[in-house]
Amino acid sequence: MTADTTPSTTENDEFWRERRVCFLTTTRPDGSPHLVPVGVTFDPEAGIARIISSAGSKKVRNVRAAGDGAQAAVSQVDGRRWCTLEGTAVVKDDQESVAEAERRYAERYRQPRPNPERVVIEITVTRVLGNTRPSGW
């Protein structure tokens, strides 16, 4: 008889709160993938993943260039545990959206350094893959 090694709902939710580097994939204008390490926060109730960034970064330029319907994915891994969140990305630069993203980032990682060029990439999650999925997905 083998033990059940399936993570519990609590473990799955905690996976997206633990401090770890994640990877964001966006699409370049030529259609090739652009993969970059980032800090990500995930709000499972709203179904939104957030990445703070400078307005002129390549990842932000990729999302803006793709326009409505920009596809993106964020992934994280810890040994055999992994999860990918896929969805539609937008760039927001309004003060409220940026402040909320900074607050969530500070909870998971640390207080972000001041950056007057900061924006937030918000991914409305439409698909979740992996063996450690947030509850409800």
Protein backbone atom coordinates (compact mmCIF):
# COMPACT_ATOMS: atom_id res chain seq x y z
CA MET A 1 0.00 0.00 0.00
CA THR A 2 1.38 3.42 -0.95
CA ALA A 3 0.73 6.72 0.78
CA ASP A 4 -1.34 9.39 -0.95
CA THR A 5 1.11 12.08 -2.08
CA THR A 6 -1.49 14.39 -3.61
CA PRO A 7 -1.09 17.90 -2.14
CA SER A 8 -4.01 19.10 -0.02
CA THR A 9 -6.04 22.19 -0.96
CA THR A 10 -4.22 24.12 1.76
CA GLU A 11 -0.83 23.08 0.34
CA ASN A 12 -1.94 24.04 -3.15
CA ASP A 13 -3.07 27.52 -2.07
CA GLU A 14 0.11 28.00 -0.04
CA PHE A 15 2.21 27.17 -3.12
CA TRP A 16 1.25 30.54 -4.65
CA ARG A 17 2.02 32.41 -1.41
CA GLU A 18 5.48 30.94 -0.78
CA ARG A 19 8.37 33.18 -1.82
CA ARG A 20 9.84 31.89 -5.08
CA VAL A 21 11.01 33.14 -8.44
CA CYS A 22 8.52 32.49 -11.22
CA PHE A 23 8.74 32.72 -15.00
CA LEU A 24 6.58 34.85 -17.26
CA THR A 25 6.12 33.95 -20.91
CA THR A 26 4.89 36.57 -23.36
CA THR A 27 4.93 36.55 -27.14
CA ARG A 28 7.29 38.76 -29.13
CA PRO A 29 5.90 40.54 -32.21
CA ASP A 30 7.54 37.86 -34.41
CA GLY A 31 5.56 35.16 -32.55
CA SER A 32 8.49 33.70 -30.63
CA PRO A 33 8.22 33.22 -26.85
CA HIS A 34 9.94 35.62 -24.43
CA LEU A 35 10.61 33.97 -21.06
CA VAL A 36 11.83 35.99 -18.08
CA PRO A 37 12.13 35.44 -14.31
CA VAL A 38 9.68 37.57 -12.29
CA GLY A 39 7.89 37.88 -9.00
CA VAL A 40 4.21 36.95 -9.34
CA THR A 41 1.27 37.26 -7.03
CA PHE A 42 -1.95 35.34 -7.59
CA ASP A 43 -5.42 36.23 -6.36
CA PRO A 44 -7.38 32.98 -6.83
CA GLU A 45 -10.71 34.57 -5.88
CA ALA A 46 -10.40 37.16 -8.67
CA GLY A 47 -8.47 34.81 -10.98
CA ILE A 48 -5.74 37.42 -11.55
CA ALA A 49 -1.97 37.01 -11.57
CA ARG A 50 0.03 40.22 -11.21
CA ILE A 51 3.61 41.13 -12.18
CA ILE A 52 5.09 44.54 -11.37
CA SER A 53 7.55 45.95 -13.90
CA SER A 54 9.04 49.07 -15.43
CA ALA A 55 6.98 50.52 -18.27
CA GLY A 56 9.81 50.16 -20.78
CA SER A 57 10.62 46.49 -20.13
CA LYS A 58 10.48 43.98 -22.97
CA LYS A 59 7.72 41.99 -21.25
CA VAL A 60 5.53 45.10 -20.99
CA ARG A 61 6.27 46.08 -24.58
CA ASN A 62 5.34 42.55 -25.73
CA VAL A 63 1.96 42.68 -23.96
CA ARG A 64 1.21 46.15 -25.30
CA ALA A 65 2.24 45.19 -28.84
CA ALA A 66 -0.11 42.19 -28.77
CA GLY A 67 -3.07 44.43 -27.91
CA ASP A 68 -6.40 43.00 -26.82
CA GLY A 69 -6.16 39.29 -26.24
CA ALA A 70 -2.42 39.19 -25.44
CA GLN A 71 -1.67 35.68 -24.21
CA ALA A 72 0.73 35.11 -21.33
CA ALA A 73 1.64 32.43 -18.81
CA VAL A 74 3.37 32.40 -15.44
CA SER A 75 4.93 29.28 -13.96
CA GLN A 76 6.66 28.23 -10.80
CA VAL A 77 8.32 25.01 -9.74
CA ASP A 78 9.61 23.49 -6.53
CA GLY A 79 11.12 20.08 -7.11
CA ARG A 80 8.24 17.90 -8.32
CA ARG A 81 5.61 20.54 -7.50
CA TRP A 82 4.72 22.93 -10.31
CA CYS A 83 1.92 25.12 -11.56
CA THR A 84 1.30 27.27 -14.64
CA LEU A 85 -1.35 29.98 -14.90
CA GLU A 86 -2.35 30.92 -18.47
CA GLY A 87 -4.57 33.73 -19.62
CA THR A 88 -5.06 37.13 -21.21
CA ALA A 89 -2.66 39.90 -20.18
CA VAL A 90 -3.09 43.66 -20.01
CA VAL A 91 -0.78 46.42 -18.80
CA LYS A 92 -2.21 48.81 -16.24
CA ASP A 93 -0.57 52.04 -15.18
CA ASP A 94 -3.25 53.65 -13.06
CA GLN A 95 -2.27 54.44 -9.48
CA GLU A 96 -4.84 52.11 -7.88
CA SER A 97 -3.84 49.04 -9.92
CA VAL A 98 -0.11 49.64 -9.37
CA ALA A 99 -0.59 50.21 -5.61
CA GLU A 100 -2.59 46.97 -5.27
CA ALA A 101 0.08 45.02 -7.17
CA GLU A 102 2.83 46.54 -4.99
CA ARG A 103 0.90 45.65 -1.82
CA ARG A 104 0.52 42.03 -2.91
CA TYR A 105 4.16 41.85 -4.01
CA ALA A 106 5.28 43.11 -0.57
CA GLU A 107 3.22 40.35 1.10
CA ARG A 108 4.81 37.56 -0.94
CA TYR A 109 8.33 38.88 -1.48
CA ARG A 110 9.38 42.19 0.07
CA GLN A 111 8.56 45.88 -0.27
CA PRO A 112 9.42 46.79 -3.87
CA ARG A 113 11.91 49.58 -4.43
CA PRO A 114 10.45 52.93 -5.53
CA ASN A 115 9.97 53.11 -9.29
CA PRO A 116 8.13 56.05 -10.90
CA GLU A 117 7.93 54.05 -14.16
CA ARG A 118 6.16 51.10 -12.51
CA VAL A 119 3.23 49.40 -14.20
CA VAL A 120 1.50 46.10 -13.55
CA ILE A 121 0.85 43.26 -15.95
CA GLU A 122 -2.44 41.63 -14.99
CA ILE A 123 -3.21 38.19 -16.34
CA THR A 124 -6.84 37.11 -16.19
CA VAL A 125 -6.33 33.39 -15.67
CA THR A 126 -8.30 31.10 -17.98
CA ARG A 127 -6.36 27.86 -17.52
CA VAL A 128 -4.38 26.26 -14.71
CA LEU A 129 -1.97 23.38 -15.27
CA GLY A 130 0.22 21.45 -12.86
CA ASN A 131 0.14 19.15 -9.90
CA THR A 132 -0.26 21.94 -7.34
CA ARG A 133 -3.32 23.92 -8.33
CA PRO A 134 -5.02 26.62 -6.26
CA SER A 135 -8.35 25.55 -4.75
CA GLY A 136 -11.30 26.04 -7.06
CA TRP A 137 -9.29 25.55 -10.25
